[in-house]
Amino acid sequence: MYEHRAQPLLSRGKYAQRLARSFALGSGIVAGSLLVGIAGYHFLGGLAWIDALLNAAMILGGMGPVNALATTAGKVFAACYALFSGLIIIVVAGVVFAPVVHRFLHKFHLGSELREKR
């Protein structure tokens, strides 16, 4: 997926495309996670669709729940979804920032090779 350390640095245009793909993948992961949360809060928690959306978005964003849940299944789902959401934030950050970190390290490595040749 990424260029090898012996390959030259990627052009800015291709790097921008890589960033866009990475951002799109991260956005897709967030959207999918949000849909899972909405469905869980609606079907297991017994919340209306708009309340399910609000709760899922708040949990996924790290803010906390808005509505109290009455069912046991809804409470278990909310606990699992909260843990899942914490991990998803880490995963999405890794997916989105991987090209940036790779480019930095690749550029740093190329710079060290040039200094060694001198």
PDB file of N, CA and C in Angstrom:
ATOM      1  N   MET A   1       0.823  -1.192   0.000  1.00  0.00           N
ATOM      2  CA  MET A   1       0.000   0.000   0.000  1.00  0.00           C
ATOM      3  C   MET A   1       0.869   1.259   0.000  1.00  0.00           C
ATOM      4  N   TYR A   2       1.937   1.253   0.786  1.00  0.00           N
ATOM      5  CA  TYR A   2       2.828   2.405   0.847  1.00  0.00           C
ATOM      6  C   TYR A   2       4.126   2.076   0.126  1.00  0.00           C
ATOM      7  N   GLU A   3       4.831   3.116  -0.276  1.00  0.00           N
ATOM      8  CA  GLU A   3       6.088   2.899  -0.983  1.00  0.00           C
ATOM      9  C   GLU A   3       7.158   2.378  -0.020  1.00  0.00           C
ATOM     10  N   HIS A   4       8.036   1.583  -0.579  1.00  0.00           N
ATOM     11  CA  HIS A   4       9.138   1.015   0.181  1.00  0.00           C
ATOM     12  C   HIS A   4      10.150   2.105   0.498  1.00  0.00           C
ATOM     13  N   ARG A   5      10.955   1.897   1.505  1.00  0.00           N
ATOM     14  CA  ARG A   5      11.917   2.930   1.904  1.00  0.00           C
ATOM     15  C   ARG A   5      12.939   3.232   0.827  1.00  0.00           C
ATOM     16  N   ALA A   6      13.170   2.281  -0.087  1.00  0.00           N
ATOM     17  CA  ALA A   6      14.132   2.522  -1.160  1.00  0.00           C
ATOM     18  C   ALA A   6      13.519   3.303  -2.320  1.00  0.00           C
ATOM     19  N   GLN A   7      12.199   3.427  -2.335  1.00  0.00           N
ATOM     20  CA  GLN A   7      11.517   4.155  -3.410  1.00  0.00           C
ATOM     21  C   GLN A   7      11.506   5.652  -3.110  1.00  0.00           C
ATOM     22  N   PRO A   8      11.377   6.459  -4.141  1.00  0.00           N
ATOM     23  CA  PRO A   8      11.336   7.920  -3.912  1.00  0.00           C
ATOM     24  C   PRO A   8      10.034   8.337  -3.223  1.00  0.00           C
ATOM     25  N   LEU A   9      10.058   9.544  -2.689  1.00  0.00           N
ATOM     26  CA  LEU A   9       8.897  10.113  -2.025  1.00  0.00           C
ATOM     27  C   LEU A   9       7.761  10.280  -3.030  1.00  0.00           C
ATOM     28  N   LEU A  10       6.555   9.997  -2.607  1.00  0.00           N
ATOM     29  CA  LEU A  10       5.373  10.109  -3.464  1.00  0.00           C
ATOM     30  C   LEU A  10       5.127  11.571  -3.829  1.00  0.00           C
ATOM     31  N   SER A  11       4.638  11.818  -5.049  1.00  0.00           N
ATOM     32  CA  SER A  11       4.340  13.193  -5.471  1.00  0.00           C
ATOM     33  C   SER A  11       3.207  13.765  -4.609  1.00  0.00           C
ATOM     34  N   ARG A  12       3.101  15.090  -4.592  1.00  0.00           N
ATOM     35  CA  ARG A  12       2.073  15.729  -3.772  1.00  0.00           C
ATOM     36  C   ARG A  12       0.663  15.369  -4.210  1.00  0.00           C
ATOM     37  N   GLY A  13       0.475  15.239  -5.507  1.00  0.00           N
ATOM     38  CA  GLY A  13      -0.848  14.880  -6.014  1.00  0.00           C
ATOM     39  C   GLY A  13      -1.262  13.482  -5.580  1.00  0.00           C
ATOM     40  N   LYS A  14      -0.357  12.532  -5.709  1.00  0.00           N
ATOM     41  CA  LYS A  14      -0.666  11.156  -5.293  1.00  0.00           C
ATOM     42  C   LYS A  14      -0.795  11.067  -3.778  1.00  0.00           C
ATOM     43  N   TYR A  15      -0.004  11.868  -3.077  1.00  0.00           N
ATOM     44  CA  TYR A  15      -0.116  11.911  -1.620  1.00  0.00           C
ATOM     45  C   TYR A  15      -1.482  12.468  -1.205  1.00  0.00           C
ATOM     46  N   ALA A  16      -1.959  13.484  -1.903  1.00  0.00           N
ATOM     47  CA  ALA A  16      -3.285  14.046  -1.617  1.00  0.00           C
ATOM     48  C   ALA A  16      -4.372  13.005  -1.879  1.00  0.00           C
ATOM     49  N   GLN A  17      -4.210  12.220  -2.937  1.00  0.00           N
ATOM     50  CA  GLN A  17      -5.165  11.141  -3.223  1.00  0.00           C
ATOM     51  C   GLN A  17      -5.144  10.103  -2.103  1.00  0.00           C
ATOM     52  N   ARG A  18      -3.950   9.778  -1.633  1.00  0.00           N
ATOM     53  CA  ARG A  18      -3.819   8.809  -0.542  1.00  0.00           C
ATOM     54  C   ARG A  18      -4.501   9.343   0.720  1.00  0.00           C
ATOM     55  N   LEU A  19      -4.309  10.623   1.006  1.00  0.00           N
ATOM     56  CA  LEU A  19      -4.967  11.230   2.162  1.00  0.00           C
ATOM     57  C   LEU A  19      -6.487  11.200   2.014  1.00  0.00           C
ATOM     58  N   ALA A  20      -6.968  11.492   0.813  1.00  0.00           N
ATOM     59  CA  ALA A  20      -8.411  11.489   0.563  1.00  0.00           C
ATOM     60  C   ALA A  20      -8.988  10.083   0.740  1.00  0.00           C
ATOM     61  N   ARG A  21      -8.284   9.069   0.222  1.00  0.00           N
ATOM     62  CA  ARG A  21      -8.740   7.682   0.403  1.00  0.00           C
ATOM     63  C   ARG A  21      -8.760   7.303   1.877  1.00  0.00           C
ATOM     64  N   SER A  22      -7.746   7.703   2.590  1.00  0.00           N
ATOM     65  CA  SER A  22      -7.647   7.404   4.012  1.00  0.00           C
ATOM     66  C   SER A  22      -8.778   8.087   4.788  1.00  0.00           C
ATOM     67  N   PHE A  23      -9.039   9.337   4.451  1.00  0.00           N
ATOM     68  CA  PHE A  23     -10.125  10.072   5.099  1.00  0.00           C
ATOM     69  C   PHE A  23     -11.478   9.441   4.759  1.00  0.00           C
ATOM     70  N   ALA A  24     -11.655   9.015   3.516  1.00  0.00           N
ATOM     71  CA  ALA A  24     -12.910   8.376   3.110  1.00  0.00           C
ATOM     72  C   ALA A  24     -13.113   7.055   3.857  1.00  0.00           C
ATOM     73  N   LEU A  25     -12.039   6.282   4.004  1.00  0.00           N
ATOM     74  CA  LEU A  25     -12.141   5.029   4.740  1.00  0.00           C
ATOM     75  C   LEU A  25     -12.484   5.297   6.202  1.00  0.00           C
ATOM     76  N   GLY A  26     -11.832   6.269   6.809  1.00  0.00           N
ATOM     77  CA  GLY A  26     -12.142   6.626   8.187  1.00  0.00           C
ATOM     78  C   GLY A  26     -13.577   7.099   8.351  1.00  0.00           C
ATOM     79  N   SER A  27     -14.045   7.892   7.396  1.00  0.00           N
ATOM     80  CA  SER A  27     -15.436   8.363   7.437  1.00  0.00           C
ATOM     81  C   SER A  27     -16.419   7.209   7.290  1.00  0.00           C
ATOM     82  N   GLY A  28     -16.071   6.255   6.445  1.00  0.00           N
ATOM     83  CA  GLY A  28     -16.923   5.070   6.271  1.00  0.00           C
ATOM     84  C   GLY A  28     -17.008   4.240   7.541  1.00  0.00           C
ATOM     85  N   ILE A  29     -15.883   4.102   8.227  1.00  0.00           N
ATOM     86  CA  ILE A  29     -15.876   3.362   9.490  1.00  0.00           C
ATOM     87  C   ILE A  29     -16.753   4.066  10.517  1.00  0.00           C
ATOM     88  N   VAL A  30     -16.653   5.385  10.588  1.00  0.00           N
ATOM     89  CA  VAL A  30     -17.476   6.147  11.528  1.00  0.00           C
ATOM     90  C   VAL A  30     -18.953   6.025  11.165  1.00  0.00           C
ATOM     91  N   ALA A  31     -19.279   6.133   9.878  1.00  0.00           N
ATOM     92  CA  ALA A  31     -20.678   6.028   9.444  1.00  0.00           C
ATOM     93  C   ALA A  31     -21.242   4.641   9.749  1.00  0.00           C
ATOM     94  N   GLY A  32     -20.454   3.608   9.480  1.00  0.00           N
ATOM     95  CA  GLY A  32     -20.905   2.250   9.789  1.00  0.00           C
ATOM     96  C   GLY A  32     -21.110   2.048  11.280  1.00  0.00           C
ATOM     97  N   SER A  33     -20.211   2.572  12.078  1.00  0.00           N
ATOM     98  CA  SER A  33     -20.335   2.476  13.533  1.00  0.00           C
ATOM     99  C   SER A  33     -21.566   3.231  14.028  1.00  0.00           C
ATOM    100  N   LEU A  34     -21.821   4.371  13.421  1.00  0.00           N
ATOM    101  CA  LEU A  34     -23.000   5.144  13.789  1.00  0.00           C
ATOM    102  C   LEU A  34     -24.278   4.378  13.455  1.00  0.00           C
ATOM    103  N   LEU A  35     -24.306   3.725  12.302  1.00  0.00           N
ATOM    104  CA  LEU A  35     -25.483   2.933  11.921  1.00  0.00           C
ATOM    105  C   LEU A  35     -25.708   1.763  12.877  1.00  0.00           C
ATOM    106  N   VAL A  36     -24.622   1.108  13.292  1.00  0.00           N
ATOM    107  CA  VAL A  36     -24.738   0.021  14.274  1.00  0.00           C
ATOM    108  C   VAL A  36     -25.330   0.563  15.575  1.00  0.00           C
ATOM    109  N   GLY A  37     -24.839   1.716  16.013  1.00  0.00           N
ATOM    110  CA  GLY A  37     -25.347   2.317  17.241  1.00  0.00           C
ATOM    111  C   GLY A  37     -26.808   2.716  17.145  1.00  0.00           C
ATOM    112  N   ILE A  38     -27.175   3.296  16.022  1.00  0.00           N
ATOM    113  CA  ILE A  38     -28.576   3.705  15.834  1.00  0.00           C
ATOM    114  C   ILE A  38     -29.491   2.484  15.883  1.00  0.00           C
ATOM    115  N   ALA A  39     -29.111   1.435  15.170  1.00  0.00           N
ATOM    116  CA  ALA A  39     -29.941   0.222  15.146  1.00  0.00           C
ATOM    117  C   ALA A  39     -30.033  -0.402  16.535  1.00  0.00           C
ATOM    118  N   GLY A  40     -28.919  -0.462  17.238  1.00  0.00           N
ATOM    119  CA  GLY A  40     -28.927  -1.052  18.572  1.00  0.00           C
ATOM    120  C   GLY A  40     -29.777  -0.278  19.554  1.00  0.00           C
ATOM    121  N   TYR A  41     -29.629   1.027  19.549  1.00  0.00           N
ATOM    122  CA  TYR A  41     -30.430   1.845  20.461  1.00  0.00           C
ATOM    123  C   TYR A  41     -31.915   1.788  20.106  1.00  0.00           C
ATOM    124  N   HIS A  42     -32.216   1.678  18.829  1.00  0.00           N
ATOM    125  CA  HIS A  42     -33.627   1.630  18.427  1.00  0.00           C
ATOM    126  C   HIS A  42     -34.251   0.279  18.761  1.00  0.00           C
ATOM    127  N   PHE A  43     -33.604  -0.797  18.311  1.00  0.00           N
ATOM    128  CA  PHE A  43     -34.215  -2.118  18.462  1.00  0.00           C
ATOM    129  C   PHE A  43     -34.005  -2.727  19.852  1.00  0.00           C
ATOM    130  N   LEU A  44     -32.870  -2.511  20.462  1.00  0.00           N
ATOM    131  CA  LEU A  44     -32.610  -3.096  21.776  1.00  0.00           C
ATOM    132  C   LEU A  44     -32.947  -2.140  22.918  1.00  0.00           C
ATOM    133  N   GLY A  45     -32.766  -0.859  22.676  1.00  0.00           N
ATOM    134  CA  GLY A  45     -33.040   0.128  23.723  1.00  0.00           C
ATOM    135  C   GLY A  45     -34.445   0.666  23.707  1.00  0.00           C
ATOM    136  N   GLY A  46     -35.147   0.425  22.612  1.00  0.00           N
ATOM    137  CA  GLY A  46     -36.522   0.900  22.513  1.00  0.00           C
ATOM    138  C   GLY A  46     -36.656   2.394  22.304  1.00  0.00           C
ATOM    139  N   LEU A  47     -35.621   3.037  21.804  1.00  0.00           N
ATOM    140  CA  LEU A  47     -35.680   4.478  21.572  1.00  0.00           C
ATOM    141  C   LEU A  47     -36.221   4.779  20.183  1.00  0.00           C
ATOM    142  N   ALA A  48     -36.813   5.951  20.031  1.00  0.00           N
ATOM    143  CA  ALA A  48     -37.245   6.415  18.706  1.00  0.00           C
ATOM    144  C   ALA A  48     -35.996   6.641  17.848  1.00  0.00           C
ATOM    145  N   TRP A  49     -36.196   6.643  16.533  1.00  0.00           N
ATOM    146  CA  TRP A  49     -35.050   6.759  15.625  1.00  0.00           C
ATOM    147  C   TRP A  49     -34.195   7.994  15.907  1.00  0.00           C
ATOM    148  N   ILE A  50     -34.839   9.114  16.140  1.00  0.00           N
ATOM    149  CA  ILE A  50     -34.075  10.352  16.354  1.00  0.00           C
ATOM    150  C   ILE A  50     -33.318  10.305  17.678  1.00  0.00           C
ATOM    151  N   ASP A  51     -33.923   9.706  18.696  1.00  0.00           N
ATOM    152  CA  ASP A  51     -33.238   9.555  19.979  1.00  0.00           C
ATOM    153  C   ASP A  51     -32.096   8.542  19.874  1.00  0.00           C
ATOM    154  N   ALA A  52     -32.309   7.509  19.076  1.00  0.00           N
ATOM    155  CA  ALA A  52     -31.253   6.523  18.848  1.00  0.00           C
ATOM    156  C   ALA A  52     -30.067   7.166  18.133  1.00  0.00           C
ATOM    157  N   LEU A  53     -30.366   8.018  17.147  1.00  0.00           N
ATOM    158  CA  LEU A  53     -29.303   8.746  16.453  1.00  0.00           C
ATOM    159  C   LEU A  53     -28.537   9.641  17.421  1.00  0.00           C
ATOM    160  N   LEU A  54     -29.250  10.368  18.238  1.00  0.00           N
ATOM    161  CA  LEU A  54     -28.613  11.273  19.195  1.00  0.00           C
ATOM    162  C   LEU A  54     -27.727  10.508  20.178  1.00  0.00           C
ATOM    163  N   ASN A  55     -28.242   9.430  20.749  1.00  0.00           N
ATOM    164  CA  ASN A  55     -27.452   8.654  21.697  1.00  0.00           C
ATOM    165  C   ASN A  55     -26.230   8.039  21.036  1.00  0.00           C
ATOM    166  N   ALA A  56     -26.403   7.467  19.848  1.00  0.00           N
ATOM    167  CA  ALA A  56     -25.277   6.837  19.156  1.00  0.00           C
ATOM    168  C   ALA A  56     -24.208   7.870  18.815  1.00  0.00           C
ATOM    169  N   ALA A  57     -24.616   9.028  18.345  1.00  0.00           N
ATOM    170  CA  ALA A  57     -23.660  10.075  17.993  1.00  0.00           C
ATOM    171  C   ALA A  57     -22.935  10.597  19.231  1.00  0.00           C
ATOM    172  N   MET A  58     -23.641  10.749  20.319  1.00  0.00           N
ATOM    173  CA  MET A  58     -23.015  11.250  21.538  1.00  0.00           C
ATOM    174  C   MET A  58     -22.019  10.243  22.105  1.00  0.00           C
ATOM    175  N   ILE A  59     -22.376   8.976  22.103  1.00  0.00           N
ATOM    176  CA  ILE A  59     -21.454   7.944  22.599  1.00  0.00           C
ATOM    177  C   ILE A  59     -20.253   7.836  21.672  1.00  0.00           C
ATOM    178  N   LEU A  60     -20.489   7.807  20.381  1.00  0.00           N
ATOM    179  CA  LEU A  60     -19.396   7.683  19.412  1.00  0.00           C
ATOM    180  C   LEU A  60     -18.475   8.895  19.473  1.00  0.00           C
ATOM    181  N   GLY A  61     -19.020  10.043  19.770  1.00  0.00           N
ATOM    182  CA  GLY A  61     -18.216  11.256  19.900  1.00  0.00           C
ATOM    183  C   GLY A  61     -17.554  11.406  21.256  1.00  0.00           C
ATOM    184  N   GLY A  62     -17.834  10.507  22.173  1.00  0.00           N
ATOM    185  CA  GLY A  62     -17.180  10.531  23.473  1.00  0.00           C
ATOM    186  C   GLY A  62     -17.871  11.405  24.506  1.00  0.00           C
ATOM    187  N   MET A  63     -19.091  11.827  24.239  1.00  0.00           N
ATOM    188  CA  MET A  63     -19.769  12.744  25.157  1.00  0.00           C
ATOM    189  C   MET A  63     -20.580  12.025  26.233  1.00  0.00           C
ATOM    190  N   GLY A  64     -21.160  10.900  25.913  1.00  0.00           N
ATOM    191  CA  GLY A  64     -21.971  10.168  26.885  1.00  0.00           C
ATOM    192  C   GLY A  64     -23.418  10.093  26.445  1.00  0.00           C
ATOM    193  N   PRO A  65     -24.183   9.235  27.093  1.00  0.00           N
ATOM    194  CA  PRO A  65     -25.577   9.026  26.688  1.00  0.00           C
ATOM    195  C   PRO A  65     -26.469  10.212  27.044  1.00  0.00           C
ATOM    196  N   VAL A  66     -27.579  10.308  26.327  1.00  0.00           N
ATOM    197  CA  VAL A  66     -28.548  11.379  26.561  1.00  0.00           C
ATOM    198  C   VAL A  66     -29.793  10.817  27.235  1.00  0.00           C
ATOM    199  N   ASN A  67     -30.326   9.742  26.675  1.00  0.00           N
ATOM    200  CA  ASN A  67     -31.559   9.140  27.185  1.00  0.00           C
ATOM    201  C   ASN A  67     -31.240   7.945  28.084  1.00  0.00           C
ATOM    202  N   ALA A  68     -32.021   7.794  29.148  1.00  0.00           N
ATOM    203  CA  ALA A  68     -31.903   6.618  30.005  1.00  0.00           C
ATOM    204  C   ALA A  68     -32.576   5.438  29.303  1.00  0.00           C
ATOM    205  N   LEU A  69     -31.978   4.277  29.452  1.00  0.00           N
ATOM    206  CA  LEU A  69     -32.523   3.079  28.822  1.00  0.00           C
ATOM    207  C   LEU A  69     -33.318   2.280  29.845  1.00  0.00           C
ATOM    208  N   ALA A  70     -34.445   1.705  29.416  1.00  0.00           N
ATOM    209  CA  ALA A  70     -35.320   0.976  30.326  1.00  0.00           C
ATOM    210  C   ALA A  70     -35.105  -0.533  30.249  1.00  0.00           C
ATOM    211  N   THR A  71     -34.635  -1.046  29.115  1.00  0.00           N
ATOM    212  CA  THR A  71     -34.510  -2.490  28.952  1.00  0.00           C
ATOM    213  C   THR A  71     -33.100  -2.970  29.310  1.00  0.00           C
ATOM    214  N   THR A  72     -33.037  -4.206  29.772  1.00  0.00           N
ATOM    215  CA  THR A  72     -31.747  -4.808  30.095  1.00  0.00           C
ATOM    216  C   THR A  72     -30.902  -4.967  28.835  1.00  0.00           C
ATOM    217  N   ALA A  73     -31.531  -5.407  27.756  1.00  0.00           N
ATOM    218  CA  ALA A  73     -30.804  -5.574  26.494  1.00  0.00           C
ATOM    219  C   ALA A  73     -30.233  -4.241  26.013  1.00  0.00           C
ATOM    220  N   GLY A  74     -30.988  -3.181  26.180  1.00  0.00           N
ATOM    221  CA  GLY A  74     -30.519  -1.855  25.787  1.00  0.00           C
ATOM    222  C   GLY A  74     -29.338  -1.398  26.619  1.00  0.00           C
ATOM    223  N   LYS A  75     -29.363  -1.694  27.908  1.00  0.00           N
ATOM    224  CA  LYS A  75     -28.255  -1.316  28.784  1.00  0.00           C
ATOM    225  C   LYS A  75     -26.992  -2.101  28.459  1.00  0.00           C
ATOM    226  N   VAL A  76     -27.143  -3.394  28.176  1.00  0.00           N
ATOM    227  CA  VAL A  76     -25.984  -4.214  27.792  1.00  0.00           C
ATOM    228  C   VAL A  76     -25.428  -3.722  26.456  1.00  0.00           C
ATOM    229  N   PHE A  77     -26.321  -3.424  25.517  1.00  0.00           N
ATOM    230  CA  PHE A  77     -25.864  -2.891  24.239  1.00  0.00           C
ATOM    231  C   PHE A  77     -25.119  -1.573  24.437  1.00  0.00           C
ATOM    232  N   ALA A  78     -25.653  -0.695  25.269  1.00  0.00           N
ATOM    233  CA  ALA A  78     -25.025   0.611  25.492  1.00  0.00           C
ATOM    234  C   ALA A  78     -23.627   0.445  26.079  1.00  0.00           C
ATOM    235  N   ALA A  79     -23.467  -0.499  26.985  1.00  0.00           N
ATOM    236  CA  ALA A  79     -22.145  -0.737  27.575  1.00  0.00           C
ATOM    237  C   ALA A  79     -21.170  -1.244  26.515  1.00  0.00           C
ATOM    238  N   CYS A  80     -21.603  -2.194  25.714  1.00  0.00           N
ATOM    239  CA  CYS A  80     -20.737  -2.737  24.653  1.00  0.00           C
ATOM    240  C   CYS A  80     -20.433  -1.678  23.595  1.00  0.00           C
ATOM    241  N   TYR A  81     -21.436  -0.890  23.250  1.00  0.00           N
ATOM    242  CA  TYR A  81     -21.248   0.148  22.228  1.00  0.00           C
ATOM    243  C   TYR A  81     -20.296   1.232  22.715  1.00  0.00           C
ATOM    244  N   ALA A  82     -20.342   1.541  23.998  1.00  0.00           N
ATOM    245  CA  ALA A  82     -19.428   2.547  24.544  1.00  0.00           C
ATOM    246  C   ALA A  82     -17.984   2.059  24.445  1.00  0.00           C
ATOM    247  N   LEU A  83     -17.734   0.795  24.777  1.00  0.00           N
ATOM    248  CA  LEU A  83     -16.383   0.236  24.651  1.00  0.00           C
ATOM    249  C   LEU A  83     -15.954   0.178  23.187  1.00  0.00           C
ATOM    250  N   PHE A  84     -16.864  -0.253  22.339  1.00  0.00           N
ATOM    251  CA  PHE A  84     -16.610  -0.325  20.896  1.00  0.00           C
ATOM    252  C   PHE A  84     -16.277   1.062  20.344  1.00  0.00           C
ATOM    253  N   SER A  85     -17.006   2.069  20.785  1.00  0.00           N
ATOM    254  CA  SER A  85     -16.791   3.430  20.292  1.00  0.00           C
ATOM    255  C   SER A  85     -15.417   3.958  20.670  1.00  0.00           C
ATOM    256  N   GLY A  86     -14.976   3.641  21.869  1.00  0.00           N
ATOM    257  CA  GLY A  86     -13.645   4.057  22.285  1.00  0.00           C
ATOM    258  C   GLY A  86     -12.564   3.462  21.399  1.00  0.00           C
ATOM    259  N   LEU A  87     -12.736   2.215  21.022  1.00  0.00           N
ATOM    260  CA  LEU A  87     -11.765   1.564  20.139  1.00  0.00           C
ATOM    261  C   LEU A  87     -11.853   2.103  18.714  1.00  0.00           C
ATOM    262  N   ILE A  88     -13.051   2.399  18.268  1.00  0.00           N
ATOM    263  CA  ILE A  88     -13.233   2.909  16.901  1.00  0.00           C
ATOM    264  C   ILE A  88     -12.526   4.248  16.728  1.00  0.00           C
ATOM    265  N   ILE A  89     -12.555   5.083  17.735  1.00  0.00           N
ATOM    266  CA  ILE A  89     -11.870   6.381  17.645  1.00  0.00           C
ATOM    267  C   ILE A  89     -10.376   6.167  17.430  1.00  0.00           C
ATOM    268  N   ILE A  90      -9.806   5.203  18.135  1.00  0.00           N
ATOM    269  CA  ILE A  90      -8.384   4.898  17.982  1.00  0.00           C
ATOM    270  C   ILE A  90      -8.104   4.345  16.589  1.00  0.00           C
ATOM    271  N   VAL A  91      -8.957   3.447  16.115  1.00  0.00           N
ATOM    272  CA  VAL A  91      -8.784   2.850  14.787  1.00  0.00           C
ATOM    273  C   VAL A  91      -8.870   3.919  13.700  1.00  0.00           C
ATOM    274  N   VAL A  92      -9.860   4.770  13.783  1.00  0.00           N
ATOM    275  CA  VAL A  92     -10.045   5.817  12.768  1.00  0.00           C
ATOM    276  C   VAL A  92      -8.868   6.791  12.787  1.00  0.00           C
ATOM    277  N   ALA A  93      -8.394   7.127  13.961  1.00  0.00           N
ATOM    278  CA  ALA A  93      -7.222   8.011  14.038  1.00  0.00           C
ATOM    279  C   ALA A  93      -6.025   7.353  13.356  1.00  0.00           C
ATOM    280  N   GLY A  94      -5.845   6.067  13.568  1.00  0.00           N
ATOM    281  CA  GLY A  94      -4.755   5.346  12.911  1.00  0.00           C
ATOM    282  C   GLY A  94      -4.901   5.319  11.406  1.00  0.00           C
ATOM    283  N   VAL A  95      -6.107   5.073  10.934  1.00  0.00           N
ATOM    284  CA  VAL A  95      -6.361   5.012   9.491  1.00  0.00           C
ATOM    285  C   VAL A  95      -6.128   6.377   8.841  1.00  0.00           C
ATOM    286  N   VAL A  96      -6.613   7.434   9.475  1.00  0.00           N
ATOM    287  CA  VAL A  96      -6.516   8.768   8.886  1.00  0.00           C
ATOM    288  C   VAL A  96      -5.091   9.314   8.949  1.00  0.00           C
ATOM    289  N   PHE A  97      -4.397   9.077  10.051  1.00  0.00           N
ATOM    290  CA  PHE A  97      -3.062   9.653  10.210  1.00  0.00           C
ATOM    291  C   PHE A  97      -1.933   8.770   9.691  1.00  0.00           C
ATOM    292  N   ALA A  98      -2.217   7.533   9.304  1.00  0.00           N
ATOM    293  CA  ALA A  98      -1.167   6.637   8.810  1.00  0.00           C
ATOM    294  C   ALA A  98      -0.406   7.224   7.616  1.00  0.00           C
ATOM    295  N   PRO A  99      -1.081   7.795   6.605  1.00  0.00           N
ATOM    296  CA  PRO A  99      -0.318   8.364   5.489  1.00  0.00           C
ATOM    297  C   PRO A  99       0.573   9.532   5.907  1.00  0.00           C
ATOM    298  N   VAL A 100       0.124  10.328   6.854  1.00  0.00           N
ATOM    299  CA  VAL A 100       0.906  11.472   7.308  1.00  0.00           C
ATOM    300  C   VAL A 100       2.167  10.984   8.024  1.00  0.00           C
ATOM    301  N   VAL A 101       1.993  10.039   8.920  1.00  0.00           N
ATOM    302  CA  VAL A 101       3.134   9.502   9.667  1.00  0.00           C
ATOM    303  C   VAL A 101       4.093   8.784   8.720  1.00  0.00           C
ATOM    304  N   HIS A 102       3.537   8.014   7.777  1.00  0.00           N
ATOM    305  CA  HIS A 102       4.393   7.308   6.826  1.00  0.00           C
ATOM    306  C   HIS A 102       5.220   8.280   5.997  1.00  0.00           C
ATOM    307  N   ARG A 103       4.586   9.338   5.515  1.00  0.00           N
ATOM    308  CA  ARG A 103       5.321  10.315   4.702  1.00  0.00           C
ATOM    309  C   ARG A 103       6.421  10.987   5.522  1.00  0.00           C
ATOM    310  N   PHE A 104       6.117  11.343   6.759  1.00  0.00           N
ATOM    311  CA  PHE A 104       7.118  11.960   7.619  1.00  0.00           C
ATOM    312  C   PHE A 104       8.309  11.018   7.819  1.00  0.00           C
ATOM    313  N   LEU A 105       8.016   9.766   8.156  1.00  0.00           N
ATOM    314  CA  LEU A 105       9.101   8.815   8.383  1.00  0.00           C
ATOM    315  C   LEU A 105       9.870   8.520   7.100  1.00  0.00           C
ATOM    316  N   HIS A 106       9.152   8.434   5.984  1.00  0.00           N
ATOM    317  CA  HIS A 106       9.812   8.174   4.701  1.00  0.00           C
ATOM    318  C   HIS A 106      10.735   9.340   4.339  1.00  0.00           C
ATOM    319  N   LYS A 107      10.247  10.556   4.528  1.00  0.00           N
ATOM    320  CA  LYS A 107      11.063  11.737   4.228  1.00  0.00           C
ATOM    321  C   LYS A 107      12.264  11.816   5.164  1.00  0.00           C
ATOM    322  N   PHE A 108      12.055  11.500   6.429  1.00  0.00           N
ATOM    323  CA  PHE A 108      13.139  11.492   7.403  1.00  0.00           C
ATOM    324  C   PHE A 108      14.187  10.443   7.021  1.00  0.00           C
ATOM    325  N   HIS A 109      13.731   9.275   6.591  1.00  0.00           N
ATOM    326  CA  HIS A 109      14.651   8.211   6.200  1.00  0.00           C
ATOM    327  C   HIS A 109      15.438   8.598   4.952  1.00  0.00           C
ATOM    328  N   LEU A 110      14.768   9.214   3.989  1.00  0.00           N
ATOM    329  CA  LEU A 110      15.470   9.647   2.782  1.00  0.00           C
ATOM    330  C   LEU A 110      16.523  10.694   3.124  1.00  0.00           C
ATOM    331  N   GLY A 111      16.224  11.572   4.055  1.00  0.00           N
ATOM    332  CA  GLY A 111      17.183  12.586   4.477  1.00  0.00           C
ATOM    333  C   GLY A 111      18.392  11.963   5.155  1.00  0.00           C
ATOM    334  N   SER A 112      18.173  10.922   5.942  1.00  0.00           N
ATOM    335  CA  SER A 112      19.302  10.271   6.617  1.00  0.00           C
ATOM    336  C   SER A 112      20.177   9.516   5.619  1.00  0.00           C
ATOM    337  N   GLU A 113      19.575   8.972   4.573  1.00  0.00           N
ATOM    338  CA  GLU A 113      20.360   8.291   3.536  1.00  0.00           C
ATOM    339  C   GLU A 113      21.249   9.281   2.796  1.00  0.00           C
ATOM    340  N   LEU A 114      20.739  10.470   2.527  1.00  0.00           N
ATOM    341  CA  LEU A 114      21.536  11.480   1.837  1.00  0.00           C
ATOM    342  C   LEU A 114      22.714  11.926   2.687  1.00  0.00           C
ATOM    343  N   ARG A 115      22.491  12.057   3.995  1.00  0.00           N
ATOM    344  CA  ARG A 115      23.587  12.437   4.885  1.00  0.00           C
ATOM    345  C   ARG A 115      24.639  11.342   4.963  1.00  0.00           C
ATOM    346  N   GLU A 116      24.230  10.077   4.905  1.00  0.00           N
ATOM    347  CA  GLU A 116      25.177   8.970   4.965  1.00  0.00           C
ATOM    348  C   GLU A 116      26.038   8.885   3.711  1.00  0.00           C
ATOM    349  N   LYS A 117      25.488   9.256   2.564  1.00  0.00           N
ATOM    350  CA  LYS A 117      26.238   9.181   1.305  1.00  0.00           C
ATOM    351  C   LYS A 117      27.317  10.243   1.221  1.00  0.00           C
ATOM    352  N   ARG A 118      27.179  11.307   1.964  1.00  0.00           N
ATOM    353  CA  ARG A 118      28.153  12.395   1.922  1.00  0.00           C
ATOM    354  C   ARG A 118      29.373  11.986   2.606  1.00  0.00           C
TER     355      ARG A 118
END
